[in-house]
Amino acid sequence: MNENKYVIAISGISGSGKSTLTKKIAKLLDNSTFIMFDDYQEKTSYPNEMFTGNGKELDLNKLESNCFFNDLDELLDDKNIINPKSREIKTAEYIIIDWNFGRSHDRVRKHVDQVFFVDVPFDIALSRKILRNIEVDLKNNKPHEKIDIIKSNLNMYLDGFRSANIKIYEKVKSESDIILDGNKTINELTDEIMGKLEKLKG
């Protein structure tokens, strides 16, 4: 691996705003690139072995996303990649990863230098996610399809998924370097992250 790389993780629950933050930071930070875990969802599996304690706990090391992990390794090895969305990602000195789970997976932990955790209440994150589903992710779906997908997501959330998420994100948060108030605006959070990074660089 190239020791001249610096890996920054923007972490938090889905709906925390980490994807928007990742893109903004990558635009502002010189010699940087970004890789987004969301782009690898079709190549990621969440085996039943991940869920323990009647589904109320998660072992994130059981999460299988070799394509994501391997692409991160390639960027660190000074190679460019093509992600599953056919976007070319060129390697850079600063690699920003939009990745929910901070240091909670061994394949990422060994590379990450700095984790920013966007702390957002679960109800706000869920509301943002539903709005994003309606306005972006499912905009081309028929109305009844949107309802079915959102209903399925809500049922999963209520059926133990919330409890499991609370535990895992407590762990992710505890292992993070900087905790950000997700109730702030994206611009405020961007300024805060850039300020922290400037201090680290200085």
N, C-alpha and C. Protein backbone atom coordinates (compact mmCIF):
# COMPACT_ATOMS: atom_id res chain seq x y z
N MET A 1 0.83 -1.19 0.00
CA MET A 1 0.00 0.00 0.00
C MET A 1 0.87 1.26 0.00
N ASN A 2 0.33 2.33 -0.54
CA ASN A 2 1.05 3.60 -0.63
C ASN A 2 0.88 4.37 0.67
N GLU A 3 1.98 4.61 1.37
CA GLU A 3 1.90 5.29 2.65
C GLU A 3 1.65 6.79 2.50
N ASN A 4 1.66 7.28 1.27
CA ASN A 4 1.41 8.70 1.04
C ASN A 4 -0.07 9.03 0.90
N LYS A 5 -0.91 8.03 1.08
CA LYS A 5 -2.36 8.26 1.01
C LYS A 5 -2.90 8.60 2.40
N TYR A 6 -3.98 9.36 2.42
CA TYR A 6 -4.67 9.69 3.67
C TYR A 6 -6.15 9.41 3.46
N VAL A 7 -6.69 8.51 4.26
CA VAL A 7 -8.07 8.06 4.08
C VAL A 7 -8.99 8.70 5.11
N ILE A 8 -10.02 9.35 4.61
CA ILE A 8 -11.01 10.04 5.45
C ILE A 8 -12.35 9.35 5.26
N ALA A 9 -12.96 8.90 6.34
CA ALA A 9 -14.29 8.28 6.26
C ALA A 9 -15.34 9.26 6.76
N ILE A 10 -16.38 9.45 5.97
CA ILE A 10 -17.56 10.20 6.41
C ILE A 10 -18.63 9.16 6.70
N SER A 11 -18.96 9.01 7.98
CA SER A 11 -19.82 7.91 8.40
C SER A 11 -21.09 8.41 9.07
N GLY A 12 -22.07 7.51 9.16
CA GLY A 12 -23.34 7.83 9.78
C GLY A 12 -24.44 6.99 9.18
N ILE A 13 -25.59 7.03 9.80
CA ILE A 13 -26.73 6.27 9.33
C ILE A 13 -27.20 6.80 7.98
N SER A 14 -27.84 5.95 7.21
CA SER A 14 -28.43 6.38 5.94
C SER A 14 -29.43 7.51 6.20
N GLY A 15 -29.26 8.61 5.48
CA GLY A 15 -30.12 9.77 5.71
C GLY A 15 -29.45 10.85 6.55
N SER A 16 -28.18 10.62 6.90
CA SER A 16 -27.48 11.60 7.74
C SER A 16 -26.88 12.74 6.93
N GLY A 17 -26.82 12.57 5.61
CA GLY A 17 -26.25 13.62 4.75
C GLY A 17 -24.80 13.38 4.38
N LYS A 18 -24.28 12.18 4.70
CA LYS A 18 -22.86 11.91 4.48
C LYS A 18 -22.47 11.89 3.00
N SER A 19 -23.38 11.48 2.13
CA SER A 19 -23.06 11.44 0.70
C SER A 19 -22.85 12.84 0.14
N THR A 20 -23.75 13.75 0.49
CA THR A 20 -23.61 15.14 0.05
C THR A 20 -22.34 15.76 0.61
N LEU A 21 -22.05 15.47 1.87
CA LEU A 21 -20.83 15.98 2.50
C LEU A 21 -19.58 15.46 1.80
N THR A 22 -19.58 14.17 1.51
CA THR A 22 -18.43 13.55 0.86
C THR A 22 -18.10 14.25 -0.45
N LYS A 23 -19.13 14.49 -1.26
CA LYS A 23 -18.91 15.13 -2.57
C LYS A 23 -18.42 16.57 -2.41
N LYS A 24 -18.96 17.29 -1.42
CA LYS A 24 -18.55 18.68 -1.23
C LYS A 24 -17.11 18.76 -0.75
N ILE A 25 -16.74 17.88 0.17
CA ILE A 25 -15.37 17.88 0.68
C ILE A 25 -14.39 17.54 -0.43
N ALA A 26 -14.76 16.57 -1.27
CA ALA A 26 -13.88 16.17 -2.37
C ALA A 26 -13.65 17.32 -3.36
N LYS A 27 -14.64 18.18 -3.51
CA LYS A 27 -14.48 19.34 -4.41
C LYS A 27 -13.56 20.40 -3.81
N LEU A 28 -13.59 20.51 -2.49
CA LEU A 28 -12.84 21.57 -1.83
C LEU A 28 -11.41 21.17 -1.47
N LEU A 29 -11.19 19.89 -1.25
CA LEU A 29 -9.89 19.41 -0.79
C LEU A 29 -8.99 19.09 -1.98
N ASP A 30 -7.87 19.76 -2.05
CA ASP A 30 -6.94 19.55 -3.16
C ASP A 30 -6.43 18.11 -3.18
N ASN A 31 -6.20 17.60 -4.40
CA ASN A 31 -5.63 16.27 -4.60
C ASN A 31 -6.43 15.20 -3.86
N SER A 32 -7.74 15.22 -4.04
CA SER A 32 -8.60 14.26 -3.36
C SER A 32 -9.53 13.55 -4.35
N THR A 33 -10.03 12.41 -3.93
CA THR A 33 -11.01 11.66 -4.69
C THR A 33 -11.99 11.04 -3.70
N PHE A 34 -13.09 10.47 -4.19
CA PHE A 34 -14.03 9.86 -3.26
C PHE A 34 -14.60 8.57 -3.84
N ILE A 35 -14.97 7.69 -2.92
CA ILE A 35 -15.59 6.42 -3.27
C ILE A 35 -16.79 6.24 -2.35
N MET A 36 -17.94 5.83 -2.92
CA MET A 36 -19.19 5.78 -2.17
C MET A 36 -19.70 4.35 -2.04
N PHE A 37 -19.92 3.94 -0.80
CA PHE A 37 -20.40 2.59 -0.53
C PHE A 37 -21.75 2.33 -1.18
N ASP A 38 -22.60 3.35 -1.27
CA ASP A 38 -23.92 3.18 -1.89
C ASP A 38 -23.82 2.66 -3.32
N ASP A 39 -22.75 3.01 -4.01
CA ASP A 39 -22.58 2.57 -5.40
C ASP A 39 -22.31 1.07 -5.51
N TYR A 40 -22.06 0.44 -4.38
CA TYR A 40 -21.69 -0.98 -4.38
C TYR A 40 -22.78 -1.87 -3.78
N GLN A 41 -23.98 -1.30 -3.54
CA GLN A 41 -25.01 -2.07 -2.86
C GLN A 41 -25.43 -3.33 -3.62
N GLU A 42 -25.45 -3.25 -4.94
CA GLU A 42 -25.85 -4.43 -5.72
C GLU A 42 -24.80 -5.54 -5.65
N LYS A 43 -23.60 -5.20 -5.21
CA LYS A 43 -22.53 -6.18 -5.08
C LYS A 43 -22.19 -6.45 -3.62
N THR A 44 -23.10 -6.06 -2.74
CA THR A 44 -22.92 -6.25 -1.31
C THR A 44 -23.99 -7.18 -0.77
N SER A 45 -23.59 -8.07 0.13
CA SER A 45 -24.58 -8.96 0.74
C SER A 45 -24.49 -8.85 2.26
N TYR A 46 -25.64 -9.02 2.88
CA TYR A 46 -25.77 -8.95 4.33
C TYR A 46 -26.25 -10.32 4.81
N PRO A 47 -25.35 -11.28 4.97
CA PRO A 47 -25.75 -12.64 5.32
C PRO A 47 -26.42 -12.72 6.68
N ASN A 48 -27.23 -13.75 6.86
CA ASN A 48 -27.95 -13.92 8.12
C ASN A 48 -27.00 -13.99 9.31
N GLU A 49 -25.76 -14.47 9.06
CA GLU A 49 -24.80 -14.62 10.14
C GLU A 49 -24.42 -13.27 10.76
N MET A 50 -24.71 -12.19 10.03
CA MET A 50 -24.43 -10.86 10.59
C MET A 50 -25.29 -10.56 11.80
N PHE A 51 -26.50 -11.10 11.77
CA PHE A 51 -27.51 -10.74 12.77
C PHE A 51 -27.50 -11.75 13.92
N THR A 52 -27.25 -11.27 15.11
CA THR A 52 -27.23 -12.11 16.30
C THR A 52 -28.18 -11.53 17.34
N GLY A 53 -28.37 -12.26 18.43
CA GLY A 53 -29.24 -11.76 19.48
C GLY A 53 -30.65 -11.51 19.00
N ASN A 54 -31.22 -12.50 18.26
CA ASN A 54 -32.57 -12.37 17.70
C ASN A 54 -32.70 -11.16 16.78
N GLY A 55 -31.62 -10.91 16.03
CA GLY A 55 -31.66 -9.82 15.05
C GLY A 55 -31.43 -8.45 15.63
N LYS A 56 -31.12 -8.38 16.92
CA LYS A 56 -30.97 -7.07 17.56
C LYS A 56 -29.52 -6.60 17.63
N GLU A 57 -28.58 -7.42 17.13
CA GLU A 57 -27.19 -7.03 17.11
C GLU A 57 -26.60 -7.37 15.75
N LEU A 58 -25.54 -6.66 15.37
CA LEU A 58 -24.92 -6.86 14.07
C LEU A 58 -23.43 -7.10 14.23
N ASP A 59 -22.91 -8.11 13.51
CA ASP A 59 -21.48 -8.32 13.40
C ASP A 59 -21.07 -7.85 12.01
N LEU A 60 -20.56 -6.62 11.93
CA LEU A 60 -20.30 -6.02 10.63
C LEU A 60 -19.16 -6.68 9.87
N ASN A 61 -18.31 -7.43 10.54
CA ASN A 61 -17.25 -8.13 9.82
C ASN A 61 -17.80 -9.24 8.93
N LYS A 62 -19.07 -9.59 9.13
CA LYS A 62 -19.70 -10.59 8.27
C LYS A 62 -20.27 -9.95 6.99
N LEU A 63 -20.33 -8.63 6.96
CA LEU A 63 -20.80 -7.93 5.76
C LEU A 63 -19.85 -8.25 4.60
N GLU A 64 -20.43 -8.63 3.46
CA GLU A 64 -19.62 -9.03 2.31
C GLU A 64 -19.74 -7.99 1.19
N SER A 65 -18.64 -7.29 0.95
CA SER A 65 -18.61 -6.29 -0.12
C SER A 65 -17.20 -6.23 -0.71
N ASN A 66 -16.76 -7.39 -1.23
CA ASN A 66 -15.39 -7.50 -1.71
C ASN A 66 -15.08 -6.51 -2.83
N CYS A 67 -16.07 -6.22 -3.66
CA CYS A 67 -15.84 -5.27 -4.75
C CYS A 67 -15.48 -3.89 -4.19
N PHE A 68 -16.21 -3.44 -3.18
CA PHE A 68 -15.91 -2.16 -2.54
C PHE A 68 -14.54 -2.18 -1.87
N PHE A 69 -14.30 -3.23 -1.08
CA PHE A 69 -13.03 -3.33 -0.36
C PHE A 69 -11.85 -3.42 -1.33
N ASN A 70 -12.01 -4.20 -2.38
CA ASN A 70 -10.92 -4.35 -3.35
C ASN A 70 -10.65 -3.05 -4.10
N ASP A 71 -11.72 -2.32 -4.44
CA ASP A 71 -11.53 -1.03 -5.12
C ASP A 71 -10.82 -0.03 -4.22
N LEU A 72 -11.16 -0.05 -2.94
CA LEU A 72 -10.45 0.82 -2.00
C LEU A 72 -8.97 0.45 -1.94
N ASP A 73 -8.69 -0.86 -1.91
CA ASP A 73 -7.30 -1.32 -1.92
C ASP A 73 -6.57 -0.84 -3.17
N GLU A 74 -7.25 -0.88 -4.31
CA GLU A 74 -6.63 -0.46 -5.57
C GLU A 74 -6.28 1.03 -5.53
N LEU A 75 -7.20 1.85 -5.03
CA LEU A 75 -6.92 3.28 -4.92
C LEU A 75 -5.72 3.54 -4.02
N LEU A 76 -5.64 2.78 -2.95
CA LEU A 76 -4.52 2.92 -2.02
C LEU A 76 -3.22 2.44 -2.63
N ASP A 77 -3.34 1.55 -3.61
CA ASP A 77 -2.17 1.01 -4.29
C ASP A 77 -1.81 1.84 -5.53
N ASP A 78 -2.32 3.07 -5.56
CA ASP A 78 -2.00 4.04 -6.62
C ASP A 78 -2.58 3.68 -7.98
N LYS A 79 -3.73 3.00 -7.98
CA LYS A 79 -4.36 2.60 -9.23
C LYS A 79 -5.73 3.27 -9.35
N ASN A 80 -6.12 3.57 -10.58
CA ASN A 80 -7.46 4.09 -10.84
C ASN A 80 -8.43 2.92 -10.96
N ILE A 81 -9.72 3.19 -10.73
CA ILE A 81 -10.72 2.13 -10.79
C ILE A 81 -11.94 2.59 -11.59
N ILE A 82 -12.77 1.64 -11.96
CA ILE A 82 -14.10 1.90 -12.51
C ILE A 82 -15.09 1.29 -11.54
N ASN A 83 -15.95 2.10 -10.94
CA ASN A 83 -16.88 1.56 -9.95
C ASN A 83 -18.08 0.90 -10.63
N PRO A 84 -18.96 0.23 -9.86
CA PRO A 84 -20.10 -0.48 -10.47
C PRO A 84 -21.07 0.41 -11.24
N LYS A 85 -21.01 1.71 -11.01
CA LYS A 85 -21.85 2.66 -11.75
C LYS A 85 -21.14 3.20 -12.99
N SER A 86 -20.02 2.55 -13.34
CA SER A 86 -19.23 2.90 -14.54
C SER A 86 -18.57 4.27 -14.43
N ARG A 87 -18.36 4.74 -13.20
CA ARG A 87 -17.66 6.01 -13.00
C ARG A 87 -16.19 5.73 -12.75
N GLU A 88 -15.32 6.39 -13.51
CA GLU A 88 -13.89 6.24 -13.27
C GLU A 88 -13.51 7.05 -12.03
N ILE A 89 -12.79 6.42 -11.14
CA ILE A 89 -12.30 7.09 -9.94
C ILE A 89 -10.78 7.06 -9.99
N LYS A 90 -10.19 8.24 -10.06
CA LYS A 90 -8.74 8.33 -10.11
C LYS A 90 -8.17 8.44 -8.71
N THR A 91 -7.08 7.75 -8.49
CA THR A 91 -6.47 7.79 -7.17
C THR A 91 -5.94 9.18 -6.88
N ALA A 92 -5.75 9.47 -5.59
CA ALA A 92 -5.29 10.79 -5.17
C ALA A 92 -4.64 10.67 -3.80
N GLU A 93 -4.07 11.77 -3.35
CA GLU A 93 -3.43 11.75 -2.03
C GLU A 93 -4.46 11.54 -0.93
N TYR A 94 -5.61 12.22 -1.05
CA TYR A 94 -6.68 12.10 -0.06
C TYR A 94 -7.81 11.27 -0.66
N ILE A 95 -8.14 10.18 0.01
CA ILE A 95 -9.24 9.32 -0.44
C ILE A 95 -10.36 9.44 0.59
N ILE A 96 -11.49 9.97 0.14
CA ILE A 96 -12.64 10.17 1.02
C ILE A 96 -13.64 9.06 0.76
N ILE A 97 -14.03 8.35 1.80
CA ILE A 97 -14.98 7.26 1.61
C ILE A 97 -16.30 7.58 2.30
N ASP A 98 -17.35 7.51 1.51
CA ASP A 98 -18.72 7.62 2.04
C ASP A 98 -19.10 6.20 2.45
N TRP A 99 -19.01 5.96 3.74
CA TRP A 99 -19.07 4.59 4.26
C TRP A 99 -19.74 4.64 5.63
N ASN A 100 -20.85 3.96 5.77
CA ASN A 100 -21.67 4.06 6.97
C ASN A 100 -20.94 3.71 8.26
N PHE A 101 -19.97 2.79 8.19
CA PHE A 101 -19.59 2.05 9.38
C PHE A 101 -18.21 2.36 9.97
N GLY A 102 -17.62 3.49 9.62
CA GLY A 102 -16.39 3.94 10.27
C GLY A 102 -15.31 2.88 10.32
N ARG A 103 -14.88 2.55 11.54
CA ARG A 103 -13.83 1.55 11.75
C ARG A 103 -14.39 0.18 12.14
N SER A 104 -15.67 -0.05 11.91
CA SER A 104 -16.32 -1.25 12.42
C SER A 104 -16.21 -2.47 11.51
N HIS A 105 -15.44 -2.37 10.43
CA HIS A 105 -15.16 -3.54 9.59
C HIS A 105 -13.65 -3.61 9.39
N ASP A 106 -13.08 -4.80 9.60
CA ASP A 106 -11.62 -4.95 9.57
C ASP A 106 -11.01 -4.53 8.24
N ARG A 107 -11.72 -4.76 7.13
CA ARG A 107 -11.16 -4.44 5.81
C ARG A 107 -11.01 -2.93 5.60
N VAL A 108 -11.75 -2.14 6.36
CA VAL A 108 -11.66 -0.68 6.26
C VAL A 108 -10.82 -0.10 7.40
N ARG A 109 -10.98 -0.67 8.58
CA ARG A 109 -10.31 -0.14 9.77
C ARG A 109 -8.81 0.03 9.56
N LYS A 110 -8.20 -0.94 8.90
CA LYS A 110 -6.74 -0.92 8.76
C LYS A 110 -6.24 0.23 7.88
N HIS A 111 -7.15 0.84 7.11
CA HIS A 111 -6.75 1.90 6.19
C HIS A 111 -7.12 3.31 6.65
N VAL A 112 -8.16 3.42 7.46
CA VAL A 112 -8.74 4.74 7.75
C VAL A 112 -7.86 5.55 8.71
N ASP A 113 -7.60 6.79 8.33
CA ASP A 113 -6.82 7.70 9.17
C ASP A 113 -7.71 8.60 10.03
N GLN A 114 -8.87 8.97 9.50
CA GLN A 114 -9.75 9.91 10.21
C GLN A 114 -11.20 9.58 9.91
N VAL A 115 -12.01 9.47 10.97
CA VAL A 115 -13.44 9.20 10.80
C VAL A 115 -14.25 10.37 11.34
N PHE A 116 -15.08 10.94 10.46
CA PHE A 116 -16.06 11.95 10.86
C PHE A 116 -17.42 11.27 10.93
N PHE A 117 -18.07 11.34 12.08
CA PHE A 117 -19.38 10.71 12.25
C PHE A 117 -20.46 11.79 12.27
N VAL A 118 -21.40 11.69 11.34
CA VAL A 118 -22.51 12.66 11.27
C VAL A 118 -23.64 12.13 12.16
N ASP A 119 -23.82 12.77 13.29
CA ASP A 119 -24.76 12.29 14.31
C ASP A 119 -26.14 12.91 14.08
N VAL A 120 -27.09 12.08 13.68
CA VAL A 120 -28.45 12.53 13.37
C VAL A 120 -29.44 11.62 14.09
N PRO A 121 -30.49 12.18 14.72
CA PRO A 121 -31.52 11.34 15.33
C PRO A 121 -32.14 10.40 14.29
N PHE A 122 -32.50 9.21 14.72
CA PHE A 122 -33.00 8.20 13.78
C PHE A 122 -34.28 8.65 13.08
N ASP A 123 -35.14 9.40 13.77
CA ASP A 123 -36.39 9.81 13.13
C ASP A 123 -36.13 10.79 11.99
N ILE A 124 -35.16 11.69 12.19
CA ILE A 124 -34.82 12.65 11.14
C ILE A 124 -34.17 11.93 9.95
N ALA A 125 -33.25 11.01 10.25
CA ALA A 125 -32.59 10.25 9.17
C ALA A 125 -33.60 9.44 8.37
N LEU A 126 -34.55 8.81 9.07
CA LEU A 126 -35.56 8.01 8.38
C LEU A 126 -36.45 8.89 7.51
N SER A 127 -36.82 10.06 8.02
CA SER A 127 -37.65 10.99 7.24
C SER A 127 -36.92 11.44 5.98
N ARG A 128 -35.64 11.76 6.12
CA ARG A 128 -34.84 12.17 4.96
C ARG A 128 -34.75 11.05 3.93
N LYS A 129 -34.58 9.82 4.44
CA LYS A 129 -34.45 8.68 3.54
C LYS A 129 -35.73 8.45 2.76
N ILE A 130 -36.88 8.56 3.43
CA ILE A 130 -38.16 8.38 2.75
C ILE A 130 -38.36 9.45 1.68
N LEU A 131 -38.05 10.70 2.03
CA LEU A 131 -38.16 11.78 1.05
C LEU A 131 -37.25 11.55 -0.15
N ARG A 132 -36.02 11.07 0.13
CA ARG A 132 -35.09 10.79 -0.97
C ARG A 132 -35.61 9.66 -1.84
N ASN A 133 -36.21 8.64 -1.20
CA ASN A 133 -36.81 7.54 -1.97
C ASN A 133 -37.86 8.07 -2.93
N ILE A 134 -38.74 8.93 -2.41
CA ILE A 134 -39.85 9.44 -3.22
C ILE A 134 -39.36 10.36 -4.33
N GLU A 135 -38.43 11.25 -3.99
CA GLU A 135 -38.03 12.31 -4.92
C GLU A 135 -36.91 11.90 -5.88
N VAL A 136 -36.08 10.93 -5.48
CA VAL A 136 -34.90 10.59 -6.28
C VAL A 136 -34.86 9.12 -6.65
N ASP A 137 -34.69 8.27 -5.64
CA ASP A 137 -34.44 6.85 -5.89
C ASP A 137 -35.59 6.17 -6.64
N LEU A 138 -36.81 6.55 -6.31
CA LEU A 138 -37.98 5.87 -6.89
C LEU A 138 -38.79 6.78 -7.81
N LYS A 139 -38.18 7.83 -8.29
CA LYS A 139 -38.95 8.81 -9.06
C LYS A 139 -39.55 8.22 -10.34
N ASN A 140 -38.97 7.17 -10.87
CA ASN A 140 -39.48 6.56 -12.10
C ASN A 140 -40.40 5.37 -11.84
N ASN A 141 -40.58 5.04 -10.56
CA ASN A 141 -41.48 3.93 -10.22
C ASN A 141 -42.93 4.39 -10.22
N LYS A 142 -43.82 3.44 -10.43
CA LYS A 142 -45.25 3.73 -10.35
C LYS A 142 -45.64 3.98 -8.89
N PRO A 143 -46.71 4.76 -8.65
CA PRO A 143 -47.10 5.09 -7.28
C PRO A 143 -47.25 3.89 -6.36
N HIS A 144 -47.89 2.81 -6.85
CA HIS A 144 -48.09 1.65 -5.98
C HIS A 144 -46.77 0.96 -5.67
N GLU A 145 -45.80 1.04 -6.59
CA GLU A 145 -44.48 0.46 -6.33
C GLU A 145 -43.75 1.25 -5.26
N LYS A 146 -43.86 2.57 -5.33
CA LYS A 146 -43.24 3.42 -4.31
C LYS A 146 -43.79 3.08 -2.93
N ILE A 147 -45.11 2.96 -2.86
CA ILE A 147 -45.76 2.66 -1.58
C ILE A 147 -45.28 1.32 -1.04
N ASP A 148 -45.21 0.31 -1.89
CA ASP A 148 -44.80 -1.03 -1.46
C ASP A 148 -43.36 -1.03 -0.95
N ILE A 149 -42.46 -0.34 -1.65
CA ILE A 149 -41.05 -0.31 -1.25
C ILE A 149 -40.88 0.44 0.06
N ILE A 150 -41.53 1.59 0.17
CA ILE A 150 -41.42 2.37 1.41
C ILE A 150 -42.04 1.62 2.58
N LYS A 151 -43.17 0.97 2.33
CA LYS A 151 -43.81 0.18 3.38
C LYS A 151 -42.90 -0.95 3.84
N SER A 152 -42.24 -1.61 2.89
CA SER A 152 -41.31 -2.69 3.23
C SER A 152 -40.15 -2.18 4.07
N ASN A 153 -39.62 -1.02 3.70
CA ASN A 153 -38.51 -0.43 4.46
C ASN A 153 -38.94 -0.07 5.88
N LEU A 154 -40.15 0.47 6.02
CA LEU A 154 -40.64 0.84 7.34
C LEU A 154 -40.88 -0.39 8.21
N ASN A 155 -41.43 -1.44 7.62
CA ASN A 155 -41.64 -2.68 8.38
C ASN A 155 -40.32 -3.27 8.85
N MET A 156 -39.30 -3.24 7.98
CA MET A 156 -37.98 -3.74 8.36
C MET A 156 -37.40 -2.90 9.49
N TYR A 157 -37.61 -1.60 9.41
CA TYR A 157 -37.12 -0.68 10.44
C TYR A 157 -37.74 -1.00 11.79
N LEU A 158 -39.04 -1.28 11.79
CA LEU A 158 -39.74 -1.57 13.04
C LEU A 158 -39.46 -2.97 13.56
N ASP A 159 -39.15 -3.89 12.65
CA ASP A 159 -38.98 -5.30 13.01
C ASP A 159 -37.55 -5.60 13.45
N GLY A 160 -37.06 -4.87 14.44
CA GLY A 160 -35.75 -5.15 15.01
C GLY A 160 -34.60 -4.42 14.35
N PHE A 161 -34.81 -3.91 13.13
CA PHE A 161 -33.72 -3.25 12.42
C PHE A 161 -33.27 -1.99 13.16
N ARG A 162 -34.23 -1.27 13.74
CA ARG A 162 -33.90 -0.05 14.47
C ARG A 162 -33.01 -0.36 15.67
N SER A 163 -33.36 -1.41 16.42
CA SER A 163 -32.57 -1.78 17.60
C SER A 163 -31.15 -2.15 17.21
N ALA A 164 -31.03 -2.94 16.13
CA ALA A 164 -29.70 -3.33 15.66
C ALA A 164 -28.90 -2.11 15.22
N ASN A 165 -29.55 -1.20 14.52
CA ASN A 165 -28.86 0.00 14.04
C ASN A 165 -28.41 0.89 15.19
N ILE A 166 -29.24 1.02 16.21
CA ILE A 166 -28.86 1.84 17.35
C ILE A 166 -27.56 1.31 17.96
N LYS A 167 -27.47 0.00 18.11
CA LYS A 167 -26.27 -0.59 18.72
C LYS A 167 -25.04 -0.41 17.84
N ILE A 168 -25.19 -0.68 16.55
CA ILE A 168 -24.02 -0.59 15.68
C ILE A 168 -23.55 0.84 15.54
N TYR A 169 -24.49 1.79 15.45
CA TYR A 169 -24.06 3.18 15.27
C TYR A 169 -23.53 3.79 16.56
N GLU A 170 -23.92 3.24 17.69
CA GLU A 170 -23.28 3.64 18.94
C GLU A 170 -21.81 3.23 18.92
N LYS A 171 -21.55 2.03 18.38
CA LYS A 171 -20.18 1.53 18.27
C LYS A 171 -19.39 2.37 17.26
N VAL A 172 -19.99 2.61 16.08
CA VAL A 172 -19.33 3.42 15.05
C VAL A 172 -18.99 4.80 15.61
N LYS A 173 -19.94 5.39 16.30
CA LYS A 173 -19.74 6.73 16.88
C LYS A 173 -18.61 6.72 17.90
N SER A 174 -18.57 5.69 18.75
CA SER A 174 -17.55 5.63 19.81
C SER A 174 -16.15 5.47 19.24
N GLU A 175 -16.04 4.91 18.03
CA GLU A 175 -14.74 4.69 17.40
C GLU A 175 -14.34 5.83 16.45
N SER A 176 -15.19 6.84 16.34
CA SER A 176 -14.92 7.95 15.42
C SER A 176 -14.02 9.00 16.07
N ASP A 177 -13.36 9.78 15.23
CA ASP A 177 -12.45 10.81 15.73
C ASP A 177 -13.17 12.13 15.98
N ILE A 178 -14.10 12.48 15.10
CA ILE A 178 -14.83 13.74 15.21
C ILE A 178 -16.32 13.46 15.09
N ILE A 179 -17.10 13.94 16.05
CA ILE A 179 -18.56 13.80 16.02
C ILE A 179 -19.15 15.12 15.52
N LEU A 180 -19.94 15.03 14.46
CA LEU A 180 -20.56 16.22 13.87
C LEU A 180 -22.04 16.26 14.20
N ASP A 181 -22.55 17.44 14.45
CA ASP A 181 -23.98 17.63 14.72
C ASP A 181 -24.74 17.64 13.40
N GLY A 182 -25.41 16.53 13.10
CA GLY A 182 -26.11 16.39 11.82
C GLY A 182 -27.32 17.29 11.66
N ASN A 183 -27.69 18.04 12.72
CA ASN A 183 -28.78 19.00 12.59
C ASN A 183 -28.32 20.31 11.96
N LYS A 184 -26.99 20.48 11.84
CA LYS A 184 -26.46 21.67 11.18
C LYS A 184 -26.66 21.56 9.67
N THR A 185 -26.52 22.67 8.99
CA THR A 185 -26.66 22.66 7.53
C THR A 185 -25.44 21.99 6.90
N ILE A 186 -25.60 21.57 5.66
CA ILE A 186 -24.49 20.95 4.94
C ILE A 186 -23.31 21.91 4.85
N ASN A 187 -23.59 23.18 4.60
CA ASN A 187 -22.50 24.16 4.51
C ASN A 187 -21.76 24.32 5.83
N GLU A 188 -22.49 24.32 6.93
CA GLU A 188 -21.85 24.41 8.24
C GLU A 188 -20.98 23.19 8.52
N LEU A 189 -21.50 22.01 8.18
CA LEU A 189 -20.73 20.78 8.39
C LEU A 189 -19.50 20.74 7.50
N THR A 190 -19.66 21.21 6.27
CA THR A 190 -18.52 21.26 5.34
C THR A 190 -17.42 22.15 5.89
N ASP A 191 -17.80 23.33 6.38
CA ASP A 191 -16.81 24.26 6.95
C ASP A 191 -16.11 23.63 8.16
N GLU A 192 -16.88 22.91 8.97
CA GLU A 192 -16.31 22.29 10.16
C GLU A 192 -15.29 21.21 9.79
N ILE A 193 -15.65 20.37 8.82
CA ILE A 193 -14.74 19.31 8.38
C ILE A 193 -13.48 19.91 7.77
N MET A 194 -13.65 20.88 6.89
CA MET A 194 -12.49 21.50 6.24
C MET A 194 -11.58 22.16 7.27
N GLY A 195 -12.17 22.77 8.29
CA GLY A 195 -11.37 23.37 9.35
C GLY A 195 -10.55 22.34 10.10
N LYS A 196 -11.17 21.20 10.42
CA LYS A 196 -10.46 20.12 11.11
C LYS A 196 -9.34 19.58 10.24
N LEU A 197 -9.61 19.40 8.95
CA LEU A 197 -8.60 18.85 8.04
C LEU A 197 -7.43 19.81 7.87
N GLU A 198 -7.72 21.10 7.82
CA GLU A 198 -6.64 22.09 7.69
C GLU A 198 -5.71 22.03 8.90
N LYS A 199 -6.29 21.82 10.08
CA LYS A 199 -5.47 21.71 11.29
C LYS A 199 -4.60 20.45 11.24
N LEU A 200 -5.18 19.35 10.73
CA LEU A 200 -4.42 18.11 10.63
C LEU A 200 -3.27 18.25 9.64
N LYS A 201 -3.56 18.93 8.53
CA LYS A 201 -2.54 19.13 7.49
C LYS A 201 -1.44 20.07 7.98
N GLY A 202 -1.87 21.05 8.82
CA GLY A 202 -0.90 22.04 9.28
C GLY A 202 0.03 21.51 10.34
